[in-house]
Amino acid sequence: MKLICSPISPYARKVMILARLSHVELEEVEPQKAGANGYLAGDNPLGKIPALEWQPGQFLFDSPVICQYLDSLREEPLLPEKGHARFIQLWQHALGDGLSDAVYNYRYETVRPAELHWDEMIERHDRAIRNAIATLEKISPWLGASWTFGNIAIICGLDYASYRASHFNWQQAHPDLAAWHAALTDDPIWRETYAYGMTSG
């Protein structure tokens, strides 16, 4: 299968991690970017990555759908089949993605020319980042000592926050979450998919 992706994207990185955990070999291909059209290749009509060619000429998107598909190929899926445990994992996955969304939106509001800054929107994304990380600090004892369906998205969101919004310095403000995160950074899959340099901050 072919994955249209960029390793800097936290959404694509989730897929890359889950594929490695599941021993699914993917051809990872960086797309061509075309301004307002997003990423070109006809893979995703929304012009976004990642997109997975799961059948010849047919592409799955967006990243939660791709992750659930790859997880379904496992003999023992990470995502529980039903019940409370399933929705806890989906909630954690959504929280990780929401953190990535907030970081992405914060960055692209703040890199505009100063005269185009929308202060209320910057404050909204700033608050979303802080609230998401504060929530993760509270639930850090239950995030798991190894990879889960939910914490894959959380790890990717935290690393993206360190890369694109480093001034928040979430590790210093949230020591329990930082300790949980640090324990997973020794995993070879974390290191293999980490595109922001070879430190966790």
C-alpha atoms as a PDB file:
ATOM      1  CA  MET A   1       0.000   0.000   0.000  1.00  0.00           C
ATOM      2  CA  LYS A   2       1.060   3.577  -0.630  1.00  0.00           C
ATOM      3  CA  LEU A   3       0.792   6.359   1.965  1.00  0.00           C
ATOM      4  CA  ILE A   4       0.808   9.950   0.768  1.00  0.00           C
ATOM      5  CA  CYS A   5       2.353  11.729   3.730  1.00  0.00           C
ATOM      6  CA  SER A   6       4.835  14.136   5.218  1.00  0.00           C
ATOM      7  CA  PRO A   7       6.742  13.006   8.328  1.00  0.00           C
ATOM      8  CA  ILE A   8       6.278  16.474   9.849  1.00  0.00           C
ATOM      9  CA  SER A   9       2.498  16.023   9.848  1.00  0.00           C
ATOM     10  CA  PRO A  10       1.309  14.620  13.198  1.00  0.00           C
ATOM     11  CA  TYR A  11      -1.646  13.048  11.391  1.00  0.00           C
ATOM     12  CA  ALA A  12       0.579  11.218   8.938  1.00  0.00           C
ATOM     13  CA  ARG A  13       2.949  10.216  11.721  1.00  0.00           C
ATOM     14  CA  LYS A  14       0.117   8.452  13.567  1.00  0.00           C
ATOM     15  CA  VAL A  15      -0.402   6.267  10.517  1.00  0.00           C
ATOM     16  CA  MET A  16       3.323   5.633  10.179  1.00  0.00           C
ATOM     17  CA  ILE A  17       3.540   4.517  13.820  1.00  0.00           C
ATOM     18  CA  LEU A  18       0.504   2.265  13.615  1.00  0.00           C
ATOM     19  CA  ALA A  19       1.747   0.674  10.399  1.00  0.00           C
ATOM     20  CA  ARG A  20       5.056  -0.174  12.047  1.00  0.00           C
ATOM     21  CA  LEU A  21       3.342  -1.535  15.138  1.00  0.00           C
ATOM     22  CA  SER A  22       1.143  -3.687  12.902  1.00  0.00           C
ATOM     23  CA  HIS A  23       3.985  -4.863  10.632  1.00  0.00           C
ATOM     24  CA  VAL A  24       2.236  -3.362   7.617  1.00  0.00           C
ATOM     25  CA  GLU A  25       4.672  -2.250   4.946  1.00  0.00           C
ATOM     26  CA  LEU A  26       3.767   1.078   3.390  1.00  0.00           C
ATOM     27  CA  GLU A  27       5.402   2.961   0.551  1.00  0.00           C
ATOM     28  CA  GLU A  28       5.658   6.441   2.077  1.00  0.00           C
ATOM     29  CA  VAL A  29       5.482   9.131  -0.609  1.00  0.00           C
ATOM     30  CA  GLU A  30       5.669  12.873  -0.049  1.00  0.00           C
ATOM     31  CA  PRO A  31       3.094  14.775  -2.128  1.00  0.00           C
ATOM     32  CA  GLN A  32       3.432  17.838  -4.285  1.00  0.00           C
ATOM     33  CA  LYS A  33       2.024  20.954  -2.659  1.00  0.00           C
ATOM     34  CA  ALA A  34       0.152  23.429  -4.818  1.00  0.00           C
ATOM     35  CA  GLY A  35      -0.779  26.549  -2.894  1.00  0.00           C
ATOM     36  CA  ALA A  36      -4.496  27.007  -2.300  1.00  0.00           C
ATOM     37  CA  ASN A  37      -5.168  23.591  -3.814  1.00  0.00           C
ATOM     38  CA  GLY A  38      -3.368  21.853  -0.959  1.00  0.00           C
ATOM     39  CA  TYR A  39      -1.598  18.637  -1.893  1.00  0.00           C
ATOM     40  CA  LEU A  40      -1.932  17.433  -5.454  1.00  0.00           C
ATOM     41  CA  ALA A  41      -2.022  13.862  -6.703  1.00  0.00           C
ATOM     42  CA  GLY A  42      -5.758  13.230  -6.860  1.00  0.00           C
ATOM     43  CA  ASP A  43      -5.505  11.189  -3.672  1.00  0.00           C
ATOM     44  CA  ASN A  44      -7.768  13.263  -1.425  1.00  0.00           C
ATOM     45  CA  PRO A  45     -10.312  15.679  -2.895  1.00  0.00           C
ATOM     46  CA  LEU A  46      -9.835  17.861   0.192  1.00  0.00           C
ATOM     47  CA  GLY A  47      -6.161  18.384  -0.682  1.00  0.00           C
ATOM     48  CA  LYS A  48      -4.972  17.063   2.701  1.00  0.00           C
ATOM     49  CA  ILE A  49      -2.607  14.389   3.962  1.00  0.00           C
ATOM     50  CA  PRO A  50      -2.342  11.590   4.836  1.00  0.00           C
ATOM     51  CA  ALA A  51      -4.107   9.523   2.206  1.00  0.00           C
ATOM     52  CA  LEU A  52      -3.725   5.745   1.965  1.00  0.00           C
ATOM     53  CA  GLU A  53      -4.039   3.830  -1.308  1.00  0.00           C
ATOM     54  CA  TRP A  54      -5.689   0.751   0.150  1.00  0.00           C
ATOM     55  CA  GLN A  55      -7.047  -0.519  -3.181  1.00  0.00           C
ATOM     56  CA  PRO A  56      -5.594   0.295  -6.614  1.00  0.00           C
ATOM     57  CA  GLY A  57      -6.595   3.871  -7.336  1.00  0.00           C
ATOM     58  CA  GLN A  58      -8.729   4.106  -4.170  1.00  0.00           C
ATOM     59  CA  PHE A  59      -7.604   6.213  -1.218  1.00  0.00           C
ATOM     60  CA  LEU A  60      -8.694   6.289   2.405  1.00  0.00           C
ATOM     61  CA  PHE A  61      -8.675   9.545   4.392  1.00  0.00           C
ATOM     62  CA  ASP A  62      -8.554  11.140   6.923  1.00  0.00           C
ATOM     63  CA  SER A  63      -6.109   9.901   9.537  1.00  0.00           C
ATOM     64  CA  PRO A  64      -8.568   8.403  12.110  1.00  0.00           C
ATOM     65  CA  VAL A  65     -10.145   6.357   9.313  1.00  0.00           C
ATOM     66  CA  ILE A  66      -6.753   5.176   8.084  1.00  0.00           C
ATOM     67  CA  CYS A  67      -5.698   4.292  11.631  1.00  0.00           C
ATOM     68  CA  GLN A  68      -8.851   2.260  12.212  1.00  0.00           C
ATOM     69  CA  TYR A  69      -8.323   0.443   8.909  1.00  0.00           C
ATOM     70  CA  LEU A  70      -4.705  -0.457   9.704  1.00  0.00           C
ATOM     71  CA  ASP A  71      -5.715  -1.504  13.203  1.00  0.00           C
ATOM     72  CA  SER A  72      -8.346  -3.817  11.731  1.00  0.00           C
ATOM     73  CA  LEU A  73      -5.561  -5.718   9.920  1.00  0.00           C
ATOM     74  CA  ARG A  74      -3.961  -6.709  13.227  1.00  0.00           C
ATOM     75  CA  GLU A  75      -4.582 -10.124  14.731  1.00  0.00           C
ATOM     76  CA  GLU A  76      -5.209  -8.324  18.037  1.00  0.00           C
ATOM     77  CA  PRO A  77      -6.387  -4.762  17.313  1.00  0.00           C
ATOM     78  CA  LEU A  78      -5.293  -1.984  19.632  1.00  0.00           C
ATOM     79  CA  LEU A  79      -8.788  -0.482  19.535  1.00  0.00           C
ATOM     80  CA  PRO A  80     -11.234  -2.520  21.624  1.00  0.00           C
ATOM     81  CA  GLU A  81     -14.148  -3.876  19.635  1.00  0.00           C
ATOM     82  CA  LYS A  82     -16.911  -2.407  21.792  1.00  0.00           C
ATOM     83  CA  GLY A  83     -17.895  -1.013  25.137  1.00  0.00           C
ATOM     84  CA  HIS A  84     -16.520   1.678  27.421  1.00  0.00           C
ATOM     85  CA  ALA A  85     -12.871   0.848  26.677  1.00  0.00           C
ATOM     86  CA  ARG A  86     -13.399   1.447  22.952  1.00  0.00           C
ATOM     87  CA  PHE A  87     -14.791   4.920  23.451  1.00  0.00           C
ATOM     88  CA  ILE A  88     -12.117   5.877  25.961  1.00  0.00           C
ATOM     89  CA  GLN A  89      -9.515   5.061  23.294  1.00  0.00           C
ATOM     90  CA  LEU A  90     -11.425   6.977  20.603  1.00  0.00           C
ATOM     91  CA  TRP A  91     -11.766   9.942  23.000  1.00  0.00           C
ATOM     92  CA  GLN A  92      -8.030   9.929  23.718  1.00  0.00           C
ATOM     93  CA  HIS A  93      -7.292   9.710  19.991  1.00  0.00           C
ATOM     94  CA  ALA A  94      -9.593  12.672  19.352  1.00  0.00           C
ATOM     95  CA  LEU A  95      -7.941  14.663  22.150  1.00  0.00           C
ATOM     96  CA  GLY A  96      -4.519  14.063  20.602  1.00  0.00           C
ATOM     97  CA  ASP A  97      -5.804  15.128  17.191  1.00  0.00           C
ATOM     98  CA  GLY A  98      -7.475  18.166  18.740  1.00  0.00           C
ATOM     99  CA  LEU A  99      -4.156  19.230  20.236  1.00  0.00           C
ATOM    100  CA  SER A 100      -2.520  18.896  16.814  1.00  0.00           C
ATOM    101  CA  ASP A 101      -5.357  20.934  15.272  1.00  0.00           C
ATOM    102  CA  ALA A 102      -4.938  23.702  17.833  1.00  0.00           C
ATOM    103  CA  VAL A 103      -1.161  23.843  17.355  1.00  0.00           C
ATOM    104  CA  TYR A 104      -1.542  23.932  13.561  1.00  0.00           C
ATOM    105  CA  ASN A 105      -4.148  26.698  13.702  1.00  0.00           C
ATOM    106  CA  TYR A 106      -2.191  28.716  16.275  1.00  0.00           C
ATOM    107  CA  ARG A 107       0.944  28.606  14.165  1.00  0.00           C
ATOM    108  CA  TYR A 108      -0.761  29.652  10.952  1.00  0.00           C
ATOM    109  CA  GLU A 109      -2.568  32.517  12.628  1.00  0.00           C
ATOM    110  CA  THR A 110       0.675  33.811  14.152  1.00  0.00           C
ATOM    111  CA  VAL A 111       2.899  33.513  11.077  1.00  0.00           C
ATOM    112  CA  ARG A 112       0.672  35.858   9.109  1.00  0.00           C
ATOM    113  CA  PRO A 113       1.872  39.462   8.731  1.00  0.00           C
ATOM    114  CA  ALA A 114       1.179  41.337  11.961  1.00  0.00           C
ATOM    115  CA  GLU A 115      -1.514  43.491  10.347  1.00  0.00           C
ATOM    116  CA  LEU A 116      -3.490  40.321   9.518  1.00  0.00           C
ATOM    117  CA  HIS A 117      -3.389  38.814  12.997  1.00  0.00           C
ATOM    118  CA  TRP A 118      -6.805  37.964  14.422  1.00  0.00           C
ATOM    119  CA  ASP A 119      -6.189  38.295  18.131  1.00  0.00           C
ATOM    120  CA  GLU A 120      -9.385  36.591  19.259  1.00  0.00           C
ATOM    121  CA  MET A 121      -8.652  33.552  17.101  1.00  0.00           C
ATOM    122  CA  ILE A 122      -5.046  33.386  18.311  1.00  0.00           C
ATOM    123  CA  GLU A 123      -6.329  33.465  21.900  1.00  0.00           C
ATOM    124  CA  ARG A 124      -8.840  30.717  21.107  1.00  0.00           C
ATOM    125  CA  HIS A 125      -6.156  28.381  19.740  1.00  0.00           C
ATOM    126  CA  ASP A 126      -3.782  29.286  22.573  1.00  0.00           C
ATOM    127  CA  ARG A 127      -6.459  28.330  25.102  1.00  0.00           C
ATOM    128  CA  ALA A 128      -7.241  25.094  23.269  1.00  0.00           C
ATOM    129  CA  ILE A 129      -3.573  24.054  23.425  1.00  0.00           C
ATOM    130  CA  ARG A 130      -3.334  24.850  27.129  1.00  0.00           C
ATOM    131  CA  ASN A 131      -6.620  23.110  27.965  1.00  0.00           C
ATOM    132  CA  ALA A 132      -5.734  19.990  25.975  1.00  0.00           C
ATOM    133  CA  ILE A 133      -2.343  19.632  27.643  1.00  0.00           C
ATOM    134  CA  ALA A 134      -3.801  20.305  31.097  1.00  0.00           C
ATOM    135  CA  THR A 135      -6.349  17.552  30.478  1.00  0.00           C
ATOM    136  CA  LEU A 136      -3.586  15.190  29.379  1.00  0.00           C
ATOM    137  CA  GLU A 137      -1.681  15.951  32.572  1.00  0.00           C
ATOM    138  CA  LYS A 138      -4.736  14.914  34.613  1.00  0.00           C
ATOM    139  CA  ILE A 139      -5.189  11.621  32.751  1.00  0.00           C
ATOM    140  CA  SER A 140      -1.491  10.818  32.307  1.00  0.00           C
ATOM    141  CA  PRO A 141      -1.602   7.896  34.805  1.00  0.00           C
ATOM    142  CA  TRP A 142      -4.080   6.130  32.515  1.00  0.00           C
ATOM    143  CA  LEU A 143      -2.402   6.743  29.150  1.00  0.00           C
ATOM    144  CA  GLY A 144      -0.535   3.413  29.156  1.00  0.00           C
ATOM    145  CA  ALA A 145       3.088   2.362  29.339  1.00  0.00           C
ATOM    146  CA  SER A 146       3.126   1.144  25.740  1.00  0.00           C
ATOM    147  CA  TRP A 147       1.382   2.117  22.510  1.00  0.00           C
ATOM    148  CA  THR A 148      -2.411   2.246  22.484  1.00  0.00           C
ATOM    149  CA  PHE A 149      -4.850   3.430  19.834  1.00  0.00           C
ATOM    150  CA  GLY A 150      -5.464   6.589  21.843  1.00  0.00           C
ATOM    151  CA  ASN A 151      -1.982   7.511  22.933  1.00  0.00           C
ATOM    152  CA  ILE A 152      -0.516   7.282  19.430  1.00  0.00           C
ATOM    153  CA  ALA A 153      -2.404  10.482  18.609  1.00  0.00           C
ATOM    154  CA  ILE A 154      -1.427  12.044  21.943  1.00  0.00           C
ATOM    155  CA  ILE A 155       2.287  11.420  21.446  1.00  0.00           C
ATOM    156  CA  CYS A 156       2.111  12.892  17.952  1.00  0.00           C
ATOM    157  CA  GLY A 157       0.204  15.936  19.197  1.00  0.00           C
ATOM    158  CA  LEU A 158       2.674  16.595  22.008  1.00  0.00           C
ATOM    159  CA  ASP A 159       5.693  16.276  19.726  1.00  0.00           C
ATOM    160  CA  TYR A 160       4.053  18.594  17.215  1.00  0.00           C
ATOM    161  CA  ALA A 161       3.419  21.102  20.004  1.00  0.00           C
ATOM    162  CA  SER A 162       7.096  20.963  20.969  1.00  0.00           C
ATOM    163  CA  TYR A 163       8.028  21.619  17.331  1.00  0.00           C
ATOM    164  CA  ARG A 164       5.518  24.276  16.290  1.00  0.00           C
ATOM    165  CA  ALA A 165       4.672  25.893  19.639  1.00  0.00           C
ATOM    166  CA  SER A 166       7.774  25.352  21.748  1.00  0.00           C
ATOM    167  CA  HIS A 167       7.231  28.562  23.710  1.00  0.00           C
ATOM    168  CA  PHE A 168       4.423  26.805  25.629  1.00  0.00           C
ATOM    169  CA  ASN A 169       7.115  24.589  27.232  1.00  0.00           C
ATOM    170  CA  TRP A 170       4.504  22.018  28.206  1.00  0.00           C
ATOM    171  CA  GLN A 171       7.091  19.628  29.700  1.00  0.00           C
ATOM    172  CA  GLN A 172       8.047  22.083  32.442  1.00  0.00           C
ATOM    173  CA  ALA A 173       4.454  22.976  33.276  1.00  0.00           C
ATOM    174  CA  HIS A 174       3.180  19.378  33.296  1.00  0.00           C
ATOM    175  CA  PRO A 175       5.777  17.057  34.840  1.00  0.00           C
ATOM    176  CA  ASP A 176       3.629  13.903  35.064  1.00  0.00           C
ATOM    177  CA  LEU A 177       2.731  14.125  31.389  1.00  0.00           C
ATOM    178  CA  ALA A 178       6.363  14.871  30.528  1.00  0.00           C
ATOM    179  CA  ALA A 179       7.522  11.769  32.406  1.00  0.00           C
ATOM    180  CA  TRP A 180       4.969   9.600  30.613  1.00  0.00           C
ATOM    181  CA  HIS A 181       6.019  11.047  27.251  1.00  0.00           C
ATOM    182  CA  ALA A 182       9.727  10.585  27.973  1.00  0.00           C
ATOM    183  CA  ALA A 183       9.241   6.872  28.690  1.00  0.00           C
ATOM    184  CA  LEU A 184       7.914   6.288  25.163  1.00  0.00           C
ATOM    185  CA  THR A 185      10.676   8.253  23.445  1.00  0.00           C
ATOM    186  CA  ASP A 186      13.049   5.326  23.965  1.00  0.00           C
ATOM    187  CA  ASP A 187      10.889   3.171  21.721  1.00  0.00           C
ATOM    188  CA  PRO A 188      12.568   2.544  18.323  1.00  0.00           C
ATOM    189  CA  ILE A 189       9.307   3.313  16.512  1.00  0.00           C
ATOM    190  CA  TRP A 190       9.108   6.719  18.187  1.00  0.00           C
ATOM    191  CA  ARG A 191      12.661   7.494  17.095  1.00  0.00           C
ATOM    192  CA  GLU A 192      12.166   6.158  13.577  1.00  0.00           C
ATOM    193  CA  THR A 193       9.147   8.381  12.960  1.00  0.00           C
ATOM    194  CA  TYR A 194      10.320  11.507  14.800  1.00  0.00           C
ATOM    195  CA  ALA A 195      10.953  14.158  12.126  1.00  0.00           C
ATOM    196  CA  TYR A 196      11.789  17.174  14.296  1.00  0.00           C
ATOM    197  CA  GLY A 197      15.354  16.293  15.319  1.00  0.00           C
ATOM    198  CA  MET A 198      16.563  13.692  17.782  1.00  0.00           C
ATOM    199  CA  THR A 199      15.298  15.196  21.036  1.00  0.00           C
ATOM    200  CA  SER A 200      11.796  15.041  22.440  1.00  0.00           C
ATOM    201  CA  GLY A 201      11.669  18.809  23.024  1.00  0.00           C
END
